[in-house]
Structure formats: C-alpha cells, structure tokens
N, C-alpha and C. Protein backbone atom coordinates (compact mmCIF):
# COMPACT_ATOMS: atom_id res chain seq x y z
N MET A 1 104.10 94.00 81.63
CA MET A 1 104.03 94.24 80.20
C MET A 1 103.04 95.37 79.92
N PRO A 2 103.16 96.04 78.77
CA PRO A 2 102.25 97.15 78.48
C PRO A 2 100.86 96.66 78.09
N THR A 3 99.87 97.46 78.38
CA THR A 3 98.50 97.18 77.97
C THR A 3 97.98 98.38 77.17
N TRP A 4 96.82 98.23 76.58
CA TRP A 4 96.31 99.23 75.64
C TRP A 4 96.05 100.58 76.29
N HIS A 5 95.79 100.62 77.60
CA HIS A 5 95.41 101.88 78.25
C HIS A 5 96.58 102.58 78.93
N MET A 6 97.81 102.04 78.83
CA MET A 6 98.94 102.64 79.52
C MET A 6 99.43 103.88 78.78
N LEU A 7 99.68 104.95 79.54
CA LEU A 7 100.17 106.20 78.97
C LEU A 7 101.61 106.48 79.36
N SER A 8 102.12 105.79 80.36
CA SER A 8 103.47 106.04 80.84
C SER A 8 104.32 104.80 80.65
N PHE A 9 105.47 104.75 81.34
CA PHE A 9 106.37 103.61 81.21
C PHE A 9 105.79 102.37 81.86
N GLN A 10 106.38 101.23 81.51
CA GLN A 10 106.04 100.00 82.20
C GLN A 10 106.60 100.05 83.63
N ASP A 11 106.07 99.19 84.49
CA ASP A 11 106.56 99.14 85.87
C ASP A 11 108.04 98.76 85.88
N SER A 12 108.82 99.48 86.64
CA SER A 12 110.27 99.26 86.68
C SER A 12 110.59 97.93 87.33
N ALA A 13 111.60 97.24 86.79
CA ALA A 13 112.05 95.97 87.36
C ALA A 13 113.55 95.96 87.57
N SER A 14 114.21 97.10 87.41
CA SER A 14 115.64 97.19 87.62
C SER A 14 115.99 98.56 88.18
N PRO A 15 117.10 98.69 88.90
CA PRO A 15 117.50 100.00 89.44
C PRO A 15 117.69 101.06 88.35
N SER A 16 118.23 100.67 87.20
CA SER A 16 118.44 101.64 86.13
C SER A 16 117.13 102.18 85.59
N MET A 17 116.12 101.30 85.45
CA MET A 17 114.82 101.78 84.97
C MET A 17 114.13 102.65 86.01
N GLU A 18 114.30 102.34 87.28
CA GLU A 18 113.74 103.19 88.33
C GLU A 18 114.34 104.60 88.25
N GLN A 19 115.65 104.67 87.99
CA GLN A 19 116.31 105.96 87.88
C GLN A 19 115.82 106.72 86.65
N LEU A 20 115.65 106.02 85.54
CA LEU A 20 115.15 106.66 84.33
C LEU A 20 113.72 107.17 84.53
N THR A 21 112.88 106.39 85.20
CA THR A 21 111.51 106.81 85.45
C THR A 21 111.46 108.03 86.37
N MET A 22 112.30 108.02 87.39
CA MET A 22 112.34 109.16 88.31
C MET A 22 112.78 110.43 87.58
N PHE A 23 113.81 110.30 86.74
CA PHE A 23 114.29 111.46 85.99
C PHE A 23 113.21 111.97 85.02
N HIS A 24 112.51 111.04 84.38
CA HIS A 24 111.42 111.43 83.46
C HIS A 24 110.33 112.19 84.21
N ASP A 25 109.89 111.65 85.35
CA ASP A 25 108.81 112.30 86.11
C ASP A 25 109.25 113.67 86.62
N PHE A 26 110.50 113.76 87.08
CA PHE A 26 111.03 115.04 87.59
C PHE A 26 111.06 116.09 86.48
N THR A 27 111.56 115.70 85.31
CA THR A 27 111.65 116.63 84.19
C THR A 27 110.26 117.04 83.70
N MET A 28 109.33 116.07 83.64
CA MET A 28 107.98 116.39 83.18
C MET A 28 107.28 117.34 84.15
N ALA A 29 107.54 117.22 85.45
CA ALA A 29 106.95 118.14 86.43
C ALA A 29 107.44 119.56 86.18
N ILE A 30 108.74 119.73 85.91
CA ILE A 30 109.29 121.05 85.64
C ILE A 30 108.70 121.62 84.34
N LEU A 31 108.64 120.79 83.30
CA LEU A 31 108.09 121.25 82.02
C LEU A 31 106.61 121.62 82.14
N THR A 32 105.87 120.88 82.95
CA THR A 32 104.45 121.18 83.14
C THR A 32 104.28 122.53 83.84
N LEU A 33 105.08 122.78 84.87
CA LEU A 33 105.01 124.07 85.57
C LEU A 33 105.36 125.22 84.65
N ILE A 34 106.40 125.05 83.83
CA ILE A 34 106.79 126.11 82.90
C ILE A 34 105.67 126.36 81.88
N THR A 35 105.08 125.29 81.37
CA THR A 35 104.01 125.43 80.39
C THR A 35 102.80 126.17 80.99
N ILE A 36 102.45 125.83 82.23
CA ILE A 36 101.32 126.50 82.89
C ILE A 36 101.62 127.98 83.10
N MET A 37 102.84 128.30 83.55
CA MET A 37 103.21 129.69 83.78
C MET A 37 103.17 130.50 82.48
N VAL A 38 103.70 129.93 81.39
CA VAL A 38 103.69 130.64 80.11
C VAL A 38 102.26 130.82 79.60
N ALA A 39 101.42 129.78 79.77
CA ALA A 39 100.03 129.88 79.33
C ALA A 39 99.28 130.95 80.12
N LEU A 40 99.48 130.99 81.44
CA LEU A 40 98.83 132.02 82.26
C LEU A 40 99.31 133.41 81.87
N ASN A 41 100.61 133.53 81.62
CA ASN A 41 101.15 134.83 81.23
C ASN A 41 100.56 135.29 79.91
N MET A 42 100.46 134.38 78.96
CA MET A 42 99.86 134.74 77.67
C MET A 42 98.40 135.10 77.82
N GLY A 43 97.71 134.41 78.75
CA GLY A 43 96.31 134.74 78.99
C GLY A 43 96.14 136.14 79.57
N PHE A 44 97.02 136.49 80.53
CA PHE A 44 96.95 137.83 81.12
C PHE A 44 97.27 138.91 80.09
N ILE A 45 98.27 138.65 79.25
CA ILE A 45 98.64 139.63 78.22
C ILE A 45 97.49 139.84 77.24
N SER A 46 96.79 138.76 76.90
CA SER A 46 95.68 138.86 75.95
C SER A 46 94.46 139.53 76.57
N SER A 47 94.31 139.40 77.90
CA SER A 47 93.10 139.90 78.56
C SER A 47 93.19 141.37 78.94
N TYR A 48 94.41 141.85 79.22
CA TYR A 48 94.57 143.22 79.70
C TYR A 48 95.35 144.04 78.69
N THR A 49 94.84 145.20 78.37
CA THR A 49 95.51 146.08 77.40
C THR A 49 96.50 147.02 78.07
N LEU A 50 96.36 147.21 79.38
CA LEU A 50 97.26 148.12 80.10
C LEU A 50 98.63 147.46 80.29
N THR A 51 99.67 148.26 80.28
CA THR A 51 101.04 147.78 80.44
C THR A 51 101.70 148.51 81.59
N ASP A 52 102.40 147.79 82.43
CA ASP A 52 103.14 148.39 83.54
C ASP A 52 104.40 149.04 82.98
N ARG A 53 104.46 150.37 83.03
CA ARG A 53 105.61 151.07 82.43
C ARG A 53 106.90 150.80 83.18
N PHE A 54 106.79 150.39 84.47
CA PHE A 54 108.00 150.09 85.24
C PHE A 54 108.57 148.71 84.89
N LEU A 55 107.77 147.90 84.16
CA LEU A 55 108.23 146.57 83.78
C LEU A 55 109.06 146.59 82.50
N MET A 56 108.83 147.61 81.66
CA MET A 56 109.52 147.69 80.38
C MET A 56 110.98 148.09 80.59
N GLU A 57 111.92 147.26 80.05
CA GLU A 57 113.35 147.51 80.11
C GLU A 57 113.84 147.67 81.56
N HIS A 58 113.25 146.90 82.46
CA HIS A 58 113.64 146.94 83.87
C HIS A 58 114.81 145.98 84.07
N GLN A 59 115.94 146.51 84.55
CA GLN A 59 117.16 145.70 84.64
C GLN A 59 117.01 144.53 85.62
N THR A 60 116.34 144.75 86.73
CA THR A 60 116.17 143.67 87.71
C THR A 60 115.35 142.53 87.14
N VAL A 61 114.27 142.88 86.44
CA VAL A 61 113.43 141.85 85.81
C VAL A 61 114.24 141.08 84.76
N GLU A 62 115.05 141.81 83.97
CA GLU A 62 115.88 141.17 82.95
C GLU A 62 116.85 140.16 83.59
N ILE A 63 117.45 140.54 84.69
CA ILE A 63 118.40 139.65 85.38
C ILE A 63 117.69 138.42 85.92
N ILE A 64 116.50 138.61 86.49
CA ILE A 64 115.76 137.49 87.10
C ILE A 64 115.38 136.46 86.04
N TRP A 65 114.80 136.91 84.91
CA TRP A 65 114.35 135.92 83.95
C TRP A 65 115.48 135.42 83.03
N THR A 66 116.70 135.92 83.27
CA THR A 66 117.87 135.31 82.64
C THR A 66 118.49 134.26 83.56
N ILE A 67 118.51 134.54 84.87
CA ILE A 67 119.12 133.62 85.83
C ILE A 67 118.22 132.42 86.11
N CYS A 68 116.91 132.63 86.16
CA CYS A 68 116.00 131.52 86.49
C CYS A 68 116.14 130.34 85.52
N PRO A 69 116.17 130.55 84.19
CA PRO A 69 116.37 129.39 83.31
C PRO A 69 117.69 128.67 83.54
N VAL A 70 118.73 129.42 83.92
CA VAL A 70 120.02 128.78 84.20
C VAL A 70 119.88 127.83 85.39
N PHE A 71 119.21 128.26 86.45
CA PHE A 71 119.00 127.39 87.61
C PHE A 71 118.14 126.19 87.26
N ILE A 72 117.13 126.40 86.41
CA ILE A 72 116.27 125.28 85.99
C ILE A 72 117.08 124.24 85.21
N LEU A 73 117.95 124.70 84.30
CA LEU A 73 118.78 123.79 83.53
C LEU A 73 119.76 123.02 84.43
N ILE A 74 120.31 123.71 85.42
CA ILE A 74 121.20 123.01 86.37
C ILE A 74 120.41 121.98 87.16
N LEU A 75 119.18 122.34 87.53
CA LEU A 75 118.32 121.42 88.28
C LEU A 75 118.02 120.16 87.48
N ILE A 76 117.90 120.30 86.17
CA ILE A 76 117.66 119.14 85.31
C ILE A 76 118.96 118.38 85.04
N ALA A 77 120.07 119.09 84.91
CA ALA A 77 121.35 118.46 84.55
C ALA A 77 121.88 117.55 85.64
N LEU A 78 121.69 117.90 86.90
CA LEU A 78 122.26 117.10 87.99
C LEU A 78 121.70 115.68 88.04
N PRO A 79 120.37 115.48 88.06
CA PRO A 79 119.88 114.10 88.02
C PRO A 79 120.16 113.40 86.69
N SER A 80 120.29 114.18 85.60
CA SER A 80 120.63 113.57 84.31
C SER A 80 122.03 112.96 84.36
N LEU A 81 122.99 113.67 84.92
CA LEU A 81 124.35 113.14 85.05
C LEU A 81 124.39 111.94 85.99
N GLN A 82 123.60 112.00 87.06
CA GLN A 82 123.53 110.87 87.98
C GLN A 82 122.99 109.62 87.28
N THR A 83 121.96 109.81 86.46
CA THR A 83 121.38 108.68 85.72
C THR A 83 122.38 108.10 84.73
N LEU A 84 123.10 108.95 84.00
CA LEU A 84 124.11 108.47 83.06
C LEU A 84 125.21 107.69 83.77
N TYR A 85 125.57 108.15 84.95
CA TYR A 85 126.63 107.46 85.72
C TYR A 85 126.16 106.07 86.14
N ILE A 86 124.90 105.95 86.56
CA ILE A 86 124.36 104.66 86.99
C ILE A 86 124.27 103.69 85.81
N LEU A 87 123.94 104.20 84.63
CA LEU A 87 123.78 103.34 83.46
C LEU A 87 125.11 102.90 82.86
N ASP A 88 126.19 103.56 83.22
CA ASP A 88 127.48 103.32 82.57
C ASP A 88 128.30 102.28 83.33
N ASP A 89 128.06 100.99 83.06
CA ASP A 89 128.84 99.87 83.59
C ASP A 89 129.10 100.00 85.09
N PRO A 90 128.08 99.89 85.93
CA PRO A 90 128.24 100.20 87.36
C PRO A 90 128.89 99.11 88.19
N PHE A 91 129.15 97.91 87.64
CA PHE A 91 129.66 96.82 88.48
C PHE A 91 130.36 95.77 87.63
N ALA A 92 131.05 94.86 88.31
CA ALA A 92 131.65 93.70 87.65
C ALA A 92 130.59 92.61 87.56
N PRO A 93 130.32 92.06 86.37
CA PRO A 93 129.21 91.11 86.20
C PRO A 93 129.50 89.76 86.83
N SER A 94 128.43 89.10 87.28
CA SER A 94 128.51 87.73 87.79
C SER A 94 128.14 86.72 86.72
N ILE A 95 127.27 87.12 85.78
CA ILE A 95 126.82 86.24 84.70
C ILE A 95 126.85 87.02 83.39
N THR A 96 127.30 86.34 82.34
CA THR A 96 127.34 86.95 81.01
C THR A 96 126.47 86.15 80.05
N VAL A 97 125.62 86.86 79.32
CA VAL A 97 124.74 86.25 78.33
C VAL A 97 124.98 86.96 77.00
N LYS A 98 125.10 86.18 75.93
CA LYS A 98 125.29 86.74 74.60
C LYS A 98 124.01 86.56 73.79
N ALA A 99 123.50 87.65 73.26
CA ALA A 99 122.29 87.63 72.42
C ALA A 99 122.68 87.95 70.99
N ILE A 100 122.36 87.05 70.08
CA ILE A 100 122.72 87.21 68.67
C ILE A 100 121.45 87.36 67.85
N GLY A 101 121.34 88.46 67.11
CA GLY A 101 120.17 88.71 66.29
C GLY A 101 120.29 88.07 64.91
N HIS A 102 119.26 87.38 64.49
CA HIS A 102 119.19 86.75 63.18
C HIS A 102 117.92 87.24 62.48
N GLN A 103 117.85 87.05 61.19
CA GLN A 103 116.59 87.28 60.48
C GLN A 103 115.78 85.97 60.47
N TRP A 104 114.72 85.79 61.31
CA TRP A 104 114.24 86.79 62.25
C TRP A 104 113.97 86.08 63.56
N TYR A 105 114.99 85.91 64.35
CA TYR A 105 114.89 85.29 65.67
C TYR A 105 116.14 85.66 66.45
N TRP A 106 116.12 85.33 67.73
CA TRP A 106 117.28 85.56 68.60
C TRP A 106 117.88 84.22 69.02
N SER A 107 119.18 84.19 69.15
CA SER A 107 119.84 83.03 69.75
C SER A 107 120.65 83.52 70.95
N TYR A 108 120.76 82.66 71.96
CA TYR A 108 121.39 83.04 73.22
C TYR A 108 122.48 82.04 73.59
N GLU A 109 123.57 82.57 74.14
CA GLU A 109 124.67 81.75 74.64
C GLU A 109 125.03 82.23 76.04
N TYR A 110 125.07 81.30 76.99
CA TYR A 110 125.45 81.62 78.36
C TYR A 110 126.92 81.28 78.52
N SER A 111 127.77 82.30 78.53
CA SER A 111 129.22 82.08 78.51
C SER A 111 129.73 81.34 79.73
N ASP A 112 129.04 81.45 80.85
CA ASP A 112 129.50 80.81 82.08
C ASP A 112 129.09 79.34 82.15
N PHE A 113 128.21 78.91 81.24
CA PHE A 113 127.75 77.52 81.24
C PHE A 113 127.88 77.00 79.80
N SER A 114 128.80 76.08 79.58
CA SER A 114 129.21 75.70 78.22
C SER A 114 128.08 75.12 77.38
N LYS A 115 127.12 74.44 77.98
CA LYS A 115 126.10 73.75 77.20
C LYS A 115 124.80 74.53 77.05
N VAL A 116 124.73 75.72 77.60
CA VAL A 116 123.48 76.49 77.56
C VAL A 116 123.48 77.39 76.34
N GLU A 117 122.92 76.90 75.26
CA GLU A 117 122.75 77.66 74.02
C GLU A 117 121.41 77.26 73.40
N PHE A 118 120.68 78.24 72.89
CA PHE A 118 119.39 77.92 72.28
C PHE A 118 118.94 79.06 71.38
N ASP A 119 118.03 78.75 70.48
CA ASP A 119 117.39 79.74 69.62
C ASP A 119 116.01 80.08 70.21
N SER A 120 115.57 81.30 69.99
CA SER A 120 114.29 81.75 70.52
C SER A 120 113.45 82.32 69.37
N TYR A 121 112.45 81.53 68.96
CA TYR A 121 111.55 81.93 67.88
C TYR A 121 110.20 82.37 68.45
N MET A 122 109.54 83.25 67.73
CA MET A 122 108.20 83.67 68.13
C MET A 122 107.22 82.50 67.99
N THR A 123 106.34 82.37 68.98
CA THR A 123 105.31 81.34 68.93
C THR A 123 104.21 81.76 67.96
N PRO A 124 103.88 80.93 66.97
CA PRO A 124 102.82 81.30 66.01
C PRO A 124 101.49 81.54 66.73
N THR A 125 100.69 82.42 66.17
CA THR A 125 99.40 82.75 66.76
C THR A 125 98.50 81.52 66.90
N SER A 126 98.60 80.61 65.96
CA SER A 126 97.76 79.41 66.01
C SER A 126 98.10 78.49 67.17
N ASP A 127 99.31 78.63 67.75
CA ASP A 127 99.74 77.77 68.85
C ASP A 127 99.57 78.42 70.22
N LEU A 128 99.05 79.63 70.27
CA LEU A 128 98.92 80.34 71.54
C LEU A 128 97.73 79.81 72.33
N THR A 129 97.87 79.84 73.66
CA THR A 129 96.75 79.54 74.54
C THR A 129 96.03 80.84 74.90
N SER A 130 94.96 80.73 75.63
CA SER A 130 94.12 81.90 75.90
C SER A 130 94.82 82.95 76.77
N TYR A 131 95.81 82.56 77.56
CA TYR A 131 96.45 83.49 78.48
C TYR A 131 97.80 84.02 77.94
N GLN A 132 98.17 83.64 76.73
CA GLN A 132 99.44 84.08 76.17
C GLN A 132 99.24 85.30 75.27
N SER A 133 100.32 86.07 75.13
CA SER A 133 100.25 87.34 74.40
C SER A 133 100.66 87.16 72.95
N ARG A 134 99.86 87.66 72.06
CA ARG A 134 100.15 87.56 70.63
C ARG A 134 101.37 88.38 70.26
N LEU A 135 102.24 87.82 69.44
CA LEU A 135 103.46 88.44 68.92
C LEU A 135 104.52 88.69 69.99
N LEU A 136 104.31 88.19 71.21
CA LEU A 136 105.29 88.37 72.28
C LEU A 136 105.80 87.06 72.86
N GLU A 137 105.08 85.98 72.66
CA GLU A 137 105.50 84.69 73.23
C GLU A 137 106.56 84.04 72.33
N VAL A 138 107.47 83.31 72.98
CA VAL A 138 108.53 82.60 72.25
C VAL A 138 108.57 81.15 72.70
N ASP A 139 109.23 80.31 71.90
CA ASP A 139 109.31 78.90 72.27
C ASP A 139 110.33 78.64 73.37
N ASN A 140 111.40 79.45 73.43
CA ASN A 140 112.42 79.31 74.46
C ASN A 140 112.67 80.66 75.11
N SER A 141 112.25 80.79 76.37
CA SER A 141 112.44 82.05 77.09
C SER A 141 113.88 82.18 77.58
N THR A 142 114.31 83.42 77.79
CA THR A 142 115.63 83.70 78.33
C THR A 142 115.50 83.80 79.85
N ALA A 143 116.08 82.86 80.57
CA ALA A 143 116.02 82.85 82.03
C ALA A 143 117.20 83.62 82.60
N LEU A 144 116.92 84.48 83.58
CA LEU A 144 117.97 85.25 84.24
C LEU A 144 117.68 85.29 85.74
N PRO A 145 118.72 85.26 86.58
CA PRO A 145 118.50 85.31 88.03
C PRO A 145 118.26 86.73 88.52
N ILE A 146 117.48 86.86 89.58
CA ILE A 146 117.23 88.18 90.17
C ILE A 146 118.35 88.52 91.15
N ASN A 147 118.48 89.81 91.46
CA ASN A 147 119.47 90.31 92.42
C ASN A 147 120.87 89.82 92.08
N THR A 148 121.19 89.82 90.79
CA THR A 148 122.50 89.36 90.32
C THR A 148 123.01 90.34 89.27
N GLN A 149 124.31 90.61 89.29
CA GLN A 149 124.91 91.49 88.30
C GLN A 149 125.03 90.74 86.98
N ILE A 150 124.36 91.23 85.95
CA ILE A 150 124.27 90.54 84.66
C ILE A 150 124.87 91.42 83.57
N ARG A 151 125.65 90.79 82.70
CA ARG A 151 126.14 91.48 81.50
C ARG A 151 125.53 90.81 80.28
N LEU A 152 124.88 91.59 79.43
CA LEU A 152 124.32 91.07 78.18
C LEU A 152 125.15 91.63 77.03
N VAL A 153 125.72 90.74 76.22
CA VAL A 153 126.51 91.13 75.06
C VAL A 153 125.67 90.89 73.82
N THR A 154 125.55 91.87 72.96
CA THR A 154 124.71 91.75 71.77
C THR A 154 125.55 91.88 70.50
N THR A 155 125.15 91.15 69.48
CA THR A 155 125.74 91.27 68.15
C THR A 155 124.73 90.77 67.13
N GLY A 156 125.00 91.01 65.87
CA GLY A 156 124.10 90.57 64.81
C GLY A 156 124.79 89.57 63.91
N ALA A 157 124.03 88.61 63.39
CA ALA A 157 124.59 87.59 62.51
C ALA A 157 124.47 87.97 61.04
N ASP A 158 123.58 88.90 60.73
CA ASP A 158 123.35 89.23 59.32
C ASP A 158 123.19 90.74 59.09
N VAL A 159 122.17 91.34 59.71
CA VAL A 159 121.94 92.78 59.60
C VAL A 159 121.86 93.36 61.01
N ILE A 160 121.66 94.66 61.10
CA ILE A 160 121.58 95.31 62.41
C ILE A 160 120.22 95.03 63.05
N HIS A 161 120.24 94.51 64.26
CA HIS A 161 119.05 94.33 65.08
C HIS A 161 119.21 95.20 66.33
N SER A 162 118.25 95.14 67.23
CA SER A 162 118.37 95.88 68.48
C SER A 162 117.64 95.13 69.59
N TRP A 163 118.37 94.79 70.64
CA TRP A 163 117.81 94.05 71.78
C TRP A 163 117.28 95.07 72.78
N ALA A 164 115.98 95.06 73.01
CA ALA A 164 115.36 96.07 73.87
C ALA A 164 114.40 95.42 74.86
N MET A 165 114.46 95.88 76.10
CA MET A 165 113.59 95.39 77.17
C MET A 165 113.13 96.61 78.00
N PRO A 166 111.96 97.18 77.69
CA PRO A 166 111.54 98.43 78.33
C PRO A 166 111.44 98.37 79.85
N ALA A 167 110.94 97.26 80.41
CA ALA A 167 110.75 97.19 81.86
C ALA A 167 112.08 97.22 82.61
N LEU A 168 113.16 96.87 81.94
CA LEU A 168 114.48 96.88 82.56
C LEU A 168 115.29 98.10 82.15
N GLY A 169 114.73 98.93 81.27
CA GLY A 169 115.44 100.13 80.83
C GLY A 169 116.63 99.80 79.95
N LEU A 170 116.50 98.78 79.08
CA LEU A 170 117.63 98.31 78.28
C LEU A 170 117.34 98.45 76.79
N LYS A 171 118.37 98.82 76.05
CA LYS A 171 118.29 98.84 74.58
C LYS A 171 119.71 98.96 74.05
N ALA A 172 120.09 98.02 73.18
CA ALA A 172 121.42 98.05 72.56
C ALA A 172 121.33 97.48 71.16
N ASP A 173 122.01 98.13 70.22
CA ASP A 173 122.03 97.65 68.85
C ASP A 173 122.87 96.38 68.76
N ALA A 174 122.38 95.42 67.97
CA ALA A 174 123.11 94.19 67.69
C ALA A 174 123.70 94.32 66.29
N VAL A 175 124.95 94.74 66.21
CA VAL A 175 125.60 95.07 64.95
C VAL A 175 126.53 93.94 64.52
N PRO A 176 126.41 93.45 63.29
CA PRO A 176 127.32 92.39 62.84
C PRO A 176 128.79 92.83 62.93
N GLY A 177 129.63 91.95 63.48
CA GLY A 177 131.05 92.25 63.60
C GLY A 177 131.41 93.14 64.77
N ARG A 178 130.43 93.45 65.61
CA ARG A 178 130.70 94.33 66.76
C ARG A 178 129.95 93.81 67.98
N LEU A 179 130.54 93.98 69.16
CA LEU A 179 129.91 93.56 70.41
C LEU A 179 129.53 94.78 71.23
N ASN A 180 128.26 94.90 71.56
CA ASN A 180 127.79 95.92 72.49
C ASN A 180 127.33 95.25 73.78
N GLN A 181 127.50 95.92 74.89
CA GLN A 181 127.14 95.28 76.14
C GLN A 181 126.21 96.15 76.98
N LEU A 182 125.38 95.47 77.75
CA LEU A 182 124.47 96.10 78.70
C LEU A 182 124.74 95.51 80.07
N MET A 183 124.77 96.36 81.09
CA MET A 183 124.98 95.92 82.46
C MET A 183 123.72 96.23 83.26
N PHE A 184 123.17 95.24 83.95
CA PHE A 184 121.93 95.46 84.67
C PHE A 184 121.74 94.39 85.73
N SER A 185 120.77 94.61 86.58
CA SER A 185 120.31 93.60 87.53
C SER A 185 118.79 93.70 87.61
N ILE A 186 118.15 92.59 87.94
CA ILE A 186 116.68 92.53 88.01
C ILE A 186 116.28 92.45 89.47
N LYS A 187 115.33 93.27 89.88
CA LYS A 187 114.99 93.36 91.30
C LYS A 187 113.90 92.40 91.74
N ARG A 188 113.08 91.91 90.83
CA ARG A 188 111.95 91.08 91.24
C ARG A 188 111.69 89.98 90.23
N PRO A 189 111.14 88.86 90.66
CA PRO A 189 110.79 87.80 89.71
C PRO A 189 109.65 88.25 88.80
N GLY A 190 109.60 87.65 87.64
CA GLY A 190 108.51 87.98 86.72
C GLY A 190 108.87 87.63 85.29
N ILE A 191 107.94 87.90 84.41
CA ILE A 191 108.13 87.69 82.98
C ILE A 191 108.07 89.05 82.29
N PHE A 192 109.09 89.35 81.52
CA PHE A 192 109.20 90.65 80.87
C PHE A 192 109.37 90.46 79.37
N TYR A 193 108.72 91.35 78.62
CA TYR A 193 108.70 91.23 77.17
C TYR A 193 109.38 92.42 76.52
N GLY A 194 110.04 92.14 75.42
CA GLY A 194 110.64 93.18 74.60
C GLY A 194 110.56 92.78 73.14
N GLN A 195 111.09 93.61 72.27
CA GLN A 195 111.08 93.32 70.84
C GLN A 195 112.31 93.92 70.19
N CYS A 196 112.62 93.44 69.00
CA CYS A 196 113.68 94.05 68.22
C CYS A 196 113.28 95.49 67.91
N SER A 197 114.17 96.44 68.17
CA SER A 197 113.84 97.85 68.00
C SER A 197 114.61 98.50 66.87
N GLU A 198 115.08 97.70 65.93
CA GLU A 198 115.74 98.22 64.73
C GLU A 198 115.13 97.51 63.53
N ILE A 199 114.64 98.28 62.56
CA ILE A 199 113.99 97.68 61.39
C ILE A 199 115.01 96.82 60.65
N CYS A 200 114.78 95.52 60.63
CA CYS A 200 115.79 94.57 60.14
C CYS A 200 115.27 93.71 59.00
N GLY A 201 114.14 94.05 58.43
CA GLY A 201 113.62 93.27 57.31
C GLY A 201 112.13 93.07 57.40
N SER A 202 111.62 92.21 56.54
CA SER A 202 110.17 92.03 56.42
C SER A 202 109.53 91.45 57.67
N ASN A 203 110.26 90.63 58.42
CA ASN A 203 109.71 90.03 59.64
C ASN A 203 110.25 90.68 60.91
N HIS A 204 110.59 91.94 60.79
CA HIS A 204 111.13 92.67 61.95
C HIS A 204 110.19 92.63 63.16
N SER A 205 108.89 92.68 62.90
CA SER A 205 107.91 92.72 63.99
C SER A 205 107.65 91.36 64.61
N PHE A 206 108.33 90.34 64.14
CA PHE A 206 108.05 88.98 64.60
C PHE A 206 109.26 88.31 65.24
N MET A 207 110.08 89.10 65.94
CA MET A 207 111.19 88.51 66.70
C MET A 207 111.20 89.09 68.11
N PRO A 208 110.24 88.67 68.93
CA PRO A 208 110.12 89.20 70.29
C PRO A 208 111.21 88.67 71.22
N ILE A 209 111.28 89.28 72.39
CA ILE A 209 112.22 88.89 73.44
C ILE A 209 111.41 88.62 74.71
N LYS A 210 111.65 87.48 75.32
CA LYS A 210 110.95 87.14 76.55
C LYS A 210 111.97 86.74 77.61
N VAL A 211 111.97 87.45 78.72
CA VAL A 211 112.90 87.19 79.83
C VAL A 211 112.11 86.71 81.04
N GLU A 212 112.51 85.59 81.59
CA GLU A 212 111.94 85.09 82.82
C GLU A 212 112.95 85.32 83.95
N ALA A 213 112.59 86.21 84.87
CA ALA A 213 113.45 86.50 86.02
C ALA A 213 113.12 85.53 87.14
N LEU A 214 114.12 84.77 87.57
CA LEU A 214 113.91 83.69 88.55
C LEU A 214 114.83 83.87 89.75
N PRO A 215 114.42 83.36 90.91
CA PRO A 215 115.37 83.28 92.03
C PRO A 215 116.55 82.40 91.62
N MET A 216 117.69 82.61 92.26
CA MET A 216 118.90 81.91 91.86
C MET A 216 118.74 80.39 91.90
N LYS A 217 118.04 79.87 92.87
CA LYS A 217 117.85 78.41 92.98
C LYS A 217 117.11 77.89 91.75
N ASN A 218 116.04 78.56 91.34
CA ASN A 218 115.29 78.14 90.16
C ASN A 218 116.10 78.31 88.89
N PHE A 219 116.91 79.36 88.84
CA PHE A 219 117.76 79.58 87.67
C PHE A 219 118.77 78.45 87.51
N LEU A 220 119.39 78.03 88.61
CA LEU A 220 120.36 76.93 88.53
C LEU A 220 119.68 75.63 88.12
N THR A 221 118.45 75.42 88.57
CA THR A 221 117.69 74.24 88.14
C THR A 221 117.45 74.29 86.64
N TRP A 222 117.15 75.47 86.11
CA TRP A 222 116.95 75.64 84.67
C TRP A 222 118.24 75.36 83.91
N VAL A 223 119.38 75.80 84.44
CA VAL A 223 120.67 75.57 83.80
C VAL A 223 120.99 74.07 83.77
N ILE A 224 120.72 73.37 84.89
CA ILE A 224 121.02 71.94 84.97
C ILE A 224 120.20 71.15 83.95
N SER A 225 119.00 71.65 83.61
CA SER A 225 118.15 70.94 82.65
C SER A 225 118.78 70.84 81.27
N PHE A 226 119.78 71.70 80.96
CA PHE A 226 120.45 71.65 79.67
C PHE A 226 121.54 70.57 79.62
N SER A 227 122.00 70.09 80.78
CA SER A 227 123.10 69.13 80.81
C SER A 227 122.61 67.70 80.66
C-alpha cells in the first residue's frame, strides 16, 4: 500500500502492473536524457556568443536532428504496443467476480460459486485497531487466489463508479446498465487496497476496496465458509 513518502508506483503484484512500471521507467529515462541534453544545449548557447558558421543551415545536421526523434518515438512505441497487448484480455479466465458499485459501498458476486455474495462497507474510524488503515479498511474483504486467471466484471447500481487497484494495475468504470471487464492474475499473497476513482457523490471518498490475495487452498476454505 502507499505511504506518505512514496514518489513512484506501489510495488507490483501482477504481470500487467510490472509491465506498466517497466514502460514508465523506460519512458522516464528517455525523457530525462532529452531534458538534460536540451538544458545543456541552452546553457552553452547562453554562455557563448560565438556561432559556428558551418552549423547554420547544414543539411547533414538537419537530417540528423529530424531522424533522431523518429527513432526515439519508435523506441517508445514498441514497448507501448507490447504493454497494450498484454493488458488486452490475455487469457481465458478461471474465476469470475462481479463488482457492483453503490452509493457508497461495493457488493461482490462470485459467479462460479452460487452462495458467495456480500457487501463491502468501509470500516468506521471509531472501530479501527491500531494497525489498520484509516479510510481503507472494510468489513468484508474481497478474497482472490494467487497464480490464477481472474476476470473482474464491473457495473454500477445507481451512478458511475470506478473500481481501481493500483498495485495490480487495474481500473475500470462501473457504469449502470453496462458491463466492463478486467483480466488479471496476482503473483504473490498479500493485502492490497484501492478506492473508487470516479466522483460518485458526497461519500465518494468513503468506499474503499480491499483485496486479500490467498493461496488456492486458503481461498477454497474461505469459499466453503459461505456454505
């Protein structure tokens, strides 16, 4: 989960988020190099009044600084296309979960298990223990198995909400009358937090998302507890 001193993304917990983080770092490295080169060039221009007469209207120089940006854009485009391909429904799901946004809580339905349905409300601050996070804890966590192909279907019951989980690289609008889906897998056990990312009313900030990633054996035990 994020803390007050974090400047970058949360630690990745899914292959899609790892790919997004890698693409971000790669692009930022290129942008940083370009920024440094432009800053140095501006510094040299400001410091020296002399001009190289062979540099003015030089055809070779014109060709070089026209072709170089093209290669840089291609260098950025290739991993971008690879990332989009990975994010676009990469597998057939093993488990389907439906998340329904309400004002102001989430409800979940596990389509593969008929009796697994529950509402997830934010835990009031007065009920929190010393080790729990304010505005992020819920009364019923969403349990999901690790190393499993998961499909999350989102919709809204009243207004537009948005189901978002930064550590997994997920975000999808929950629109009334429409189904949006996310395909992902979780690589490691843990507890991950998210929040509604679409302004949906006065209590928009009070409908968090909490996912508990469990080994398959523990997940099945959790499912059996509903029967």
